[in-house]
Amino acid sequence: MATTGSTGRIEISVAEYLLLFTQFSKEEQLKIAAEIASKTFADRWAKMDAKLPDTDDLSEEDIISEVRSVRYG
């Protein structure tokens, strides 16, 4: 059950939130999802970026060479 925490904010579980979310219209769900995506972008990007290899040492020539090898075999 949702409660008010010490910060004065409503504390709600993920399951409760998802149940509430399903009660909105599809248009409202899309607006909510867009807002969540916008507010979490930086964190999601940082998490994804941490998993990617560091490519600082690649030159433009290296990249063009790889693109050519993929395009033209």
N, C-alpha and C. Protein backbone atom coordinates (compact mmCIF):
# COMPACT_ATOMS: atom_id res chain seq x y z
N MET A 1 0.83 -1.17 0.00
CA MET A 1 0.00 0.00 0.00
C MET A 1 0.89 1.24 0.00
N ALA A 2 0.50 2.24 -0.75
CA ALA A 2 1.25 3.48 -0.82
C ALA A 2 1.20 4.19 0.53
N THR A 3 2.34 4.74 0.96
CA THR A 3 2.42 5.48 2.21
C THR A 3 3.20 6.76 1.98
N THR A 4 3.09 7.67 2.91
CA THR A 4 3.87 8.90 2.85
C THR A 4 5.12 8.71 3.69
N GLY A 5 6.29 8.90 3.06
CA GLY A 5 7.55 8.71 3.75
C GLY A 5 7.96 9.94 4.53
N SER A 6 9.13 9.87 5.15
CA SER A 6 9.63 10.97 5.98
C SER A 6 9.93 12.22 5.16
N THR A 7 10.09 12.07 3.85
CA THR A 7 10.35 13.23 3.00
C THR A 7 9.07 13.91 2.56
N GLY A 8 7.92 13.33 2.94
CA GLY A 8 6.64 13.88 2.52
C GLY A 8 6.21 13.39 1.16
N ARG A 9 7.03 12.57 0.54
CA ARG A 9 6.70 12.01 -0.77
C ARG A 9 5.93 10.71 -0.60
N ILE A 10 5.09 10.42 -1.55
CA ILE A 10 4.34 9.17 -1.52
C ILE A 10 5.28 8.03 -1.88
N GLU A 11 5.32 7.01 -1.05
CA GLU A 11 6.13 5.83 -1.32
C GLU A 11 5.20 4.76 -1.88
N ILE A 12 5.53 4.27 -3.08
CA ILE A 12 4.69 3.30 -3.76
C ILE A 12 5.59 2.22 -4.36
N SER A 13 5.18 1.00 -4.27
CA SER A 13 5.99 -0.09 -4.82
C SER A 13 5.89 -0.09 -6.34
N VAL A 14 6.83 -0.77 -6.97
CA VAL A 14 6.81 -0.89 -8.43
C VAL A 14 5.53 -1.58 -8.87
N ALA A 15 5.15 -2.64 -8.17
CA ALA A 15 3.93 -3.36 -8.53
C ALA A 15 2.70 -2.44 -8.44
N GLU A 16 2.64 -1.63 -7.39
CA GLU A 16 1.53 -0.69 -7.24
C GLU A 16 1.54 0.34 -8.36
N TYR A 17 2.73 0.83 -8.68
CA TYR A 17 2.84 1.82 -9.75
C TYR A 17 2.37 1.23 -11.08
N LEU A 18 2.80 0.03 -11.39
CA LEU A 18 2.42 -0.60 -12.66
C LEU A 18 0.92 -0.85 -12.72
N LEU A 19 0.32 -1.23 -11.60
CA LEU A 19 -1.13 -1.40 -11.55
C LEU A 19 -1.83 -0.07 -11.80
N LEU A 20 -1.34 0.97 -11.18
CA LEU A 20 -1.90 2.31 -11.39
C LEU A 20 -1.71 2.75 -12.84
N PHE A 21 -0.54 2.48 -13.39
CA PHE A 21 -0.21 2.86 -14.77
C PHE A 21 -1.21 2.28 -15.76
N THR A 22 -1.62 1.03 -15.54
CA THR A 22 -2.55 0.37 -16.47
C THR A 22 -3.92 1.02 -16.46
N GLN A 23 -4.22 1.82 -15.45
CA GLN A 23 -5.52 2.47 -15.36
C GLN A 23 -5.59 3.76 -16.18
N PHE A 24 -4.44 4.24 -16.68
CA PHE A 24 -4.43 5.42 -17.54
C PHE A 24 -4.76 5.02 -18.97
N SER A 25 -5.24 5.98 -19.75
CA SER A 25 -5.51 5.73 -21.16
C SER A 25 -4.18 5.50 -21.87
N LYS A 26 -4.23 4.91 -23.06
CA LYS A 26 -3.00 4.67 -23.82
C LYS A 26 -2.27 5.98 -24.10
N GLU A 27 -3.01 7.04 -24.40
CA GLU A 27 -2.39 8.35 -24.66
C GLU A 27 -1.66 8.85 -23.41
N GLU A 28 -2.29 8.70 -22.25
CA GLU A 28 -1.66 9.12 -20.99
C GLU A 28 -0.45 8.24 -20.69
N GLN A 29 -0.55 6.94 -20.96
CA GLN A 29 0.57 6.03 -20.73
C GLN A 29 1.77 6.45 -21.57
N LEU A 30 1.51 6.85 -22.82
CA LEU A 30 2.61 7.30 -23.68
C LEU A 30 3.26 8.57 -23.13
N LYS A 31 2.46 9.49 -22.62
CA LYS A 31 3.01 10.72 -22.03
C LYS A 31 3.85 10.40 -20.79
N ILE A 32 3.33 9.50 -19.95
CA ILE A 32 4.07 9.09 -18.75
C ILE A 32 5.38 8.42 -19.13
N ALA A 33 5.32 7.51 -20.10
CA ALA A 33 6.53 6.79 -20.53
C ALA A 33 7.55 7.76 -21.10
N ALA A 34 7.10 8.74 -21.89
CA ALA A 34 8.03 9.73 -22.46
C ALA A 34 8.68 10.56 -21.35
N GLU A 35 7.92 10.91 -20.35
CA GLU A 35 8.46 11.69 -19.23
C GLU A 35 9.49 10.88 -18.44
N ILE A 36 9.18 9.60 -18.19
CA ILE A 36 10.12 8.73 -17.48
C ILE A 36 11.39 8.56 -18.31
N ALA A 37 11.24 8.33 -19.62
CA ALA A 37 12.41 8.17 -20.49
C ALA A 37 13.27 9.42 -20.46
N SER A 38 12.64 10.57 -20.50
CA SER A 38 13.39 11.84 -20.47
C SER A 38 14.14 12.02 -19.15
N LYS A 39 13.48 11.71 -18.06
CA LYS A 39 14.08 11.91 -16.73
C LYS A 39 15.15 10.88 -16.40
N THR A 40 15.15 9.74 -17.07
CA THR A 40 16.13 8.69 -16.76
C THR A 40 17.19 8.53 -17.85
N PHE A 41 17.14 9.39 -18.87
CA PHE A 41 18.06 9.24 -20.00
C PHE A 41 19.52 9.24 -19.57
N ALA A 42 19.93 10.21 -18.79
CA ALA A 42 21.35 10.33 -18.41
C ALA A 42 21.83 9.07 -17.68
N ASP A 43 21.02 8.56 -16.76
CA ASP A 43 21.41 7.35 -16.03
C ASP A 43 21.46 6.13 -16.95
N ARG A 44 20.47 6.01 -17.84
CA ARG A 44 20.45 4.88 -18.77
C ARG A 44 21.63 4.97 -19.73
N TRP A 45 21.97 6.17 -20.17
CA TRP A 45 23.11 6.36 -21.07
C TRP A 45 24.41 5.97 -20.37
N ALA A 46 24.58 6.42 -19.15
CA ALA A 46 25.80 6.12 -18.40
C ALA A 46 25.96 4.61 -18.21
N LYS A 47 24.86 3.92 -17.93
CA LYS A 47 24.91 2.47 -17.74
C LYS A 47 25.30 1.77 -19.03
N MET A 48 24.71 2.20 -20.14
CA MET A 48 25.03 1.60 -21.43
C MET A 48 26.46 1.94 -21.85
N ASP A 49 26.86 3.18 -21.64
CA ASP A 49 28.20 3.62 -22.03
C ASP A 49 29.28 2.86 -21.27
N ALA A 50 29.00 2.52 -20.03
CA ALA A 50 29.97 1.77 -19.22
C ALA A 50 30.23 0.38 -19.80
N LYS A 51 29.24 -0.16 -20.52
CA LYS A 51 29.39 -1.49 -21.10
C LYS A 51 30.08 -1.47 -22.46
N LEU A 52 30.15 -0.30 -23.09
CA LEU A 52 30.76 -0.20 -24.42
C LEU A 52 32.27 -0.10 -24.32
N PRO A 53 32.99 -0.63 -25.29
CA PRO A 53 34.45 -0.52 -25.27
C PRO A 53 34.89 0.92 -25.50
N ASP A 54 36.03 1.27 -24.94
CA ASP A 54 36.59 2.61 -25.12
C ASP A 54 37.18 2.70 -26.53
N THR A 55 36.72 3.66 -27.30
CA THR A 55 37.17 3.77 -28.69
C THR A 55 37.92 5.07 -28.95
N ASP A 56 38.43 5.69 -27.91
CA ASP A 56 39.15 6.96 -28.08
C ASP A 56 40.36 6.84 -29.00
N ASP A 57 40.92 5.64 -29.09
CA ASP A 57 42.13 5.46 -29.88
C ASP A 57 41.84 5.17 -31.36
N LEU A 58 40.55 5.12 -31.74
CA LEU A 58 40.21 4.90 -33.14
C LEU A 58 40.31 6.20 -33.92
N SER A 59 40.96 6.14 -35.06
CA SER A 59 41.03 7.32 -35.91
C SER A 59 39.88 7.30 -36.90
N GLU A 60 39.66 8.41 -37.56
CA GLU A 60 38.63 8.47 -38.59
C GLU A 60 38.95 7.47 -39.71
N GLU A 61 40.23 7.32 -40.01
CA GLU A 61 40.65 6.37 -41.04
C GLU A 61 40.29 4.94 -40.65
N ASP A 62 40.49 4.59 -39.36
CA ASP A 62 40.12 3.26 -38.87
C ASP A 62 38.62 3.01 -39.06
N ILE A 63 37.83 4.00 -38.74
CA ILE A 63 36.37 3.88 -38.83
C ILE A 63 35.95 3.72 -40.29
N ILE A 64 36.50 4.54 -41.17
CA ILE A 64 36.16 4.46 -42.60
C ILE A 64 36.57 3.12 -43.16
N SER A 65 37.73 2.62 -42.76
CA SER A 65 38.20 1.32 -43.22
C SER A 65 37.24 0.22 -42.79
N GLU A 66 36.77 0.27 -41.56
CA GLU A 66 35.84 -0.74 -41.08
C GLU A 66 34.50 -0.66 -41.80
N VAL A 67 34.01 0.55 -42.03
CA VAL A 67 32.75 0.73 -42.75
C VAL A 67 32.89 0.15 -44.16
N ARG A 68 34.00 0.43 -44.81
CA ARG A 68 34.21 -0.10 -46.18
C ARG A 68 34.25 -1.63 -46.18
N SER A 69 34.88 -2.21 -45.17
CA SER A 69 34.98 -3.67 -45.15
C SER A 69 33.60 -4.31 -44.91
N VAL A 70 32.76 -3.64 -44.14
CA VAL A 70 31.42 -4.16 -43.92
C VAL A 70 30.55 -3.97 -45.17
N ARG A 71 30.63 -2.80 -45.77
CA ARG A 71 29.81 -2.52 -46.94
C ARG A 71 30.22 -3.34 -48.16
N TYR A 72 31.52 -3.45 -48.38
CA TYR A 72 32.00 -4.04 -49.63
C TYR A 72 32.65 -5.41 -49.44
N GLY A 73 32.62 -5.91 -48.23
CA GLY A 73 33.13 -7.25 -47.96
C GLY A 73 34.57 -7.29 -48.06
